[in-house]
């Protein structure tokens, strides 16, 4: 019998638990990660400005709110001024939770790569 499973991940942040779609989490966290890498390259080259710092925080917060919900980052960090490291920490945390979920599902879904009519794997 087919059973509908709970295919969400729990993100615990700011004394709240968020139930989110792991695929959407990965999509948005990967977008944030790319932006952070580009920012870091600028920083290492000595080319980052204060405006760049504000812009990267704003951009990554937008990606994170696509995962957790609009306005939730402000709630998580309460009255604290959000830093680049704060958003990086949250990106890394969400990424780890989503990747763990996908790794567990990947083990289960390996059967999809098998052709039921012969023993060769599909490419």
C-alpha atoms as a PDB file:
ATOM      1  CA  UNK A   1       0.000   0.000   0.000  1.00  0.00           C
ATOM      2  CA  UNK A   2       1.281   3.458  -0.902  1.00  0.00           C
ATOM      3  CA  UNK A   3       1.739   5.676   2.110  1.00  0.00           C
ATOM      4  CA  UNK A   4       2.096   9.444   1.811  1.00  0.00           C
ATOM      5  CA  UNK A   5       5.253  10.393   3.640  1.00  0.00           C
ATOM      6  CA  UNK A   6       6.209  13.639   5.259  1.00  0.00           C
ATOM      7  CA  UNK A   7       8.736  15.010   2.789  1.00  0.00           C
ATOM      8  CA  UNK A   8       9.740  18.168   4.599  1.00  0.00           C
ATOM      9  CA  UNK A   9      12.682  19.120   6.742  1.00  0.00           C
ATOM     10  CA  UNK A  10      12.637  20.906  10.052  1.00  0.00           C
ATOM     11  CA  UNK A  11      14.729  24.026  10.398  1.00  0.00           C
ATOM     12  CA  UNK A  12      15.080  25.125  14.005  1.00  0.00           C
ATOM     13  CA  UNK A  13      15.984  28.790  14.300  1.00  0.00           C
ATOM     14  CA  UNK A  14      15.051  31.641  16.591  1.00  0.00           C
ATOM     15  CA  UNK A  15      13.075  29.454  18.993  1.00  0.00           C
ATOM     16  CA  UNK A  16      10.839  28.357  16.134  1.00  0.00           C
ATOM     17  CA  UNK A  17      10.595  25.239  13.992  1.00  0.00           C
ATOM     18  CA  UNK A  18      10.032  25.725  10.270  1.00  0.00           C
ATOM     19  CA  UNK A  19       8.698  22.880   8.108  1.00  0.00           C
ATOM     20  CA  UNK A  20      10.114  23.436   4.635  1.00  0.00           C
ATOM     21  CA  UNK A  21      10.421  21.675   1.303  1.00  0.00           C
ATOM     22  CA  UNK A  22      14.015  20.369   1.135  1.00  0.00           C
ATOM     23  CA  UNK A  23      14.300  20.875  -2.621  1.00  0.00           C
ATOM     24  CA  UNK A  24      13.219  24.515  -2.395  1.00  0.00           C
ATOM     25  CA  UNK A  25      15.598  24.925   0.517  1.00  0.00           C
ATOM     26  CA  UNK A  26      18.484  23.598  -1.567  1.00  0.00           C
ATOM     27  CA  UNK A  27      17.589  25.754  -4.580  1.00  0.00           C
ATOM     28  CA  UNK A  28      17.547  28.939  -2.507  1.00  0.00           C
ATOM     29  CA  UNK A  29      20.518  28.037  -0.337  1.00  0.00           C
ATOM     30  CA  UNK A  30      22.565  27.231  -3.448  1.00  0.00           C
ATOM     31  CA  UNK A  31      21.656  30.663  -4.853  1.00  0.00           C
ATOM     32  CA  UNK A  32      22.750  32.256  -1.581  1.00  0.00           C
ATOM     33  CA  UNK A  33      25.957  30.207  -1.551  1.00  0.00           C
ATOM     34  CA  UNK A  34      26.893  31.425  -5.051  1.00  0.00           C
ATOM     35  CA  UNK A  35      26.334  35.040  -4.007  1.00  0.00           C
ATOM     36  CA  UNK A  36      28.424  34.550  -0.876  1.00  0.00           C
ATOM     37  CA  UNK A  37      31.275  33.008  -2.889  1.00  0.00           C
ATOM     38  CA  UNK A  38      31.256  35.966  -5.296  1.00  0.00           C
ATOM     39  CA  UNK A  39      31.243  38.366  -2.350  1.00  0.00           C
ATOM     40  CA  UNK A  40      34.101  36.500  -0.673  1.00  0.00           C
ATOM     41  CA  UNK A  41      36.168  36.706  -3.858  1.00  0.00           C
ATOM     42  CA  UNK A  42      35.678  40.481  -3.845  1.00  0.00           C
ATOM     43  CA  UNK A  43      36.539  40.638  -0.160  1.00  0.00           C
ATOM     44  CA  UNK A  44      39.737  38.620  -0.586  1.00  0.00           C
ATOM     45  CA  UNK A  45      40.805  40.851  -3.481  1.00  0.00           C
ATOM     46  CA  UNK A  46      40.290  43.904  -1.275  1.00  0.00           C
ATOM     47  CA  UNK A  47      37.528  45.187  -3.557  1.00  0.00           C
ATOM     48  CA  UNK A  48      34.514  44.869  -1.223  1.00  0.00           C
ATOM     49  CA  UNK A  49      32.884  48.032   0.026  1.00  0.00           C
ATOM     50  CA  UNK A  50      30.435  48.722   2.839  1.00  0.00           C
ATOM     51  CA  UNK A  51      27.733  48.892   0.171  1.00  0.00           C
ATOM     52  CA  UNK A  52      28.743  45.388  -0.983  1.00  0.00           C
ATOM     53  CA  UNK A  53      28.375  44.123   2.602  1.00  0.00           C
ATOM     54  CA  UNK A  54      24.876  45.575   2.874  1.00  0.00           C
ATOM     55  CA  UNK A  55      23.947  44.239  -0.569  1.00  0.00           C
ATOM     56  CA  UNK A  56      25.116  40.683   0.146  1.00  0.00           C
ATOM     57  CA  UNK A  57      23.236  40.587   3.442  1.00  0.00           C
ATOM     58  CA  UNK A  58      20.067  41.846   1.727  1.00  0.00           C
ATOM     59  CA  UNK A  59      20.419  39.354  -1.140  1.00  0.00           C
ATOM     60  CA  UNK A  60      21.061  36.357   1.104  1.00  0.00           C
ATOM     61  CA  UNK A  61      18.258  37.334   3.480  1.00  0.00           C
ATOM     62  CA  UNK A  62      15.918  37.334   0.456  1.00  0.00           C
ATOM     63  CA  UNK A  63      17.051  33.808  -0.473  1.00  0.00           C
ATOM     64  CA  UNK A  64      16.626  32.621   3.117  1.00  0.00           C
ATOM     65  CA  UNK A  65      13.162  34.159   3.330  1.00  0.00           C
ATOM     66  CA  UNK A  66      12.224  32.224   0.198  1.00  0.00           C
ATOM     67  CA  UNK A  67      12.865  29.162   2.360  1.00  0.00           C
ATOM     68  CA  UNK A  68      11.503  30.246   5.736  1.00  0.00           C
ATOM     69  CA  UNK A  69       8.930  32.888   4.826  1.00  0.00           C
ATOM     70  CA  UNK A  70       8.860  36.631   4.354  1.00  0.00           C
ATOM     71  CA  UNK A  71       9.923  38.537   7.460  1.00  0.00           C
ATOM     72  CA  UNK A  72      11.170  35.433   9.266  1.00  0.00           C
ATOM     73  CA  UNK A  73      14.862  36.377   9.223  1.00  0.00           C
ATOM     74  CA  UNK A  74      14.053  39.542  11.155  1.00  0.00           C
ATOM     75  CA  UNK A  75      12.159  37.440  13.684  1.00  0.00           C
ATOM     76  CA  UNK A  76      14.996  34.918  13.989  1.00  0.00           C
ATOM     77  CA  UNK A  77      17.628  37.566  14.649  1.00  0.00           C
ATOM     78  CA  UNK A  78      15.220  39.727  16.711  1.00  0.00           C
ATOM     79  CA  UNK A  79      16.787  43.114  17.362  1.00  0.00           C
ATOM     80  CA  UNK A  80      20.302  42.068  16.392  1.00  0.00           C
ATOM     81  CA  UNK A  81      21.985  43.749  13.461  1.00  0.00           C
ATOM     82  CA  UNK A  82      22.462  40.932  10.929  1.00  0.00           C
ATOM     83  CA  UNK A  83      26.019  40.343   9.776  1.00  0.00           C
ATOM     84  CA  UNK A  84      27.487  38.453   6.840  1.00  0.00           C
ATOM     85  CA  UNK A  85      28.555  35.721   9.251  1.00  0.00           C
ATOM     86  CA  UNK A  86      25.008  35.429  10.615  1.00  0.00           C
ATOM     87  CA  UNK A  87      23.558  34.745   7.177  1.00  0.00           C
ATOM     88  CA  UNK A  88      26.464  32.445   6.299  1.00  0.00           C
ATOM     89  CA  UNK A  89      25.821  30.400   9.443  1.00  0.00           C
ATOM     90  CA  UNK A  90      22.139  30.042   8.576  1.00  0.00           C
ATOM     91  CA  UNK A  91      22.943  29.093   4.964  1.00  0.00           C
ATOM     92  CA  UNK A  92      25.364  26.401   6.136  1.00  0.00           C
ATOM     93  CA  UNK A  93      22.861  25.061   8.691  1.00  0.00           C
ATOM     94  CA  UNK A  94      19.929  24.857   6.248  1.00  0.00           C
ATOM     95  CA  UNK A  95      22.186  23.343   3.609  1.00  0.00           C
ATOM     96  CA  UNK A  96      23.358  20.621   5.993  1.00  0.00           C
ATOM     97  CA  UNK A  97      19.800  19.722   7.033  1.00  0.00           C
ATOM     98  CA  UNK A  98      18.585  19.613   3.412  1.00  0.00           C
ATOM     99  CA  UNK A  99      21.604  17.617   2.215  1.00  0.00           C
ATOM    100  CA  UNK A 100      21.122  15.065   4.997  1.00  0.00           C
ATOM    101  CA  UNK A 101      17.476  14.615   3.994  1.00  0.00           C
ATOM    102  CA  UNK A 102      18.394  14.262   0.302  1.00  0.00           C
ATOM    103  CA  UNK A 103      21.162  11.773   1.110  1.00  0.00           C
ATOM    104  CA  UNK A 104      18.677   9.586   2.981  1.00  0.00           C
ATOM    105  CA  UNK A 105      16.156   9.852   0.148  1.00  0.00           C
ATOM    106  CA  UNK A 106      18.878   9.191  -2.425  1.00  0.00           C
ATOM    107  CA  UNK A 107      19.647   5.845  -0.848  1.00  0.00           C
ATOM    108  CA  UNK A 108      15.962   4.930  -1.091  1.00  0.00           C
ATOM    109  CA  UNK A 109      15.488   6.283  -4.622  1.00  0.00           C
ATOM    110  CA  UNK A 110      18.406   4.395  -6.193  1.00  0.00           C
ATOM    111  CA  UNK A 111      15.786   1.898  -7.354  1.00  0.00           C
ATOM    112  CA  UNK A 112      14.568   4.530  -9.863  1.00  0.00           C
ATOM    113  CA  UNK A 113      17.807   4.152 -11.779  1.00  0.00           C
ATOM    114  CA  UNK A 114      17.149   0.480 -12.376  1.00  0.00           C
ATOM    115  CA  UNK A 115      15.300  -0.789 -15.422  1.00  0.00           C
ATOM    116  CA  UNK A 116      12.709  -3.356 -14.297  1.00  0.00           C
ATOM    117  CA  UNK A 117      13.026  -5.203 -17.622  1.00  0.00           C
ATOM    118  CA  UNK A 118      16.737  -5.953 -17.466  1.00  0.00           C
ATOM    119  CA  UNK A 119      19.573  -5.636 -15.003  1.00  0.00           C
ATOM    120  CA  UNK A 120      21.342  -2.719 -16.741  1.00  0.00           C
ATOM    121  CA  UNK A 121      21.158   0.683 -15.113  1.00  0.00           C
ATOM    122  CA  UNK A 122      19.530   3.525 -16.987  1.00  0.00           C
ATOM    123  CA  UNK A 123      21.775   6.476 -17.863  1.00  0.00           C
END
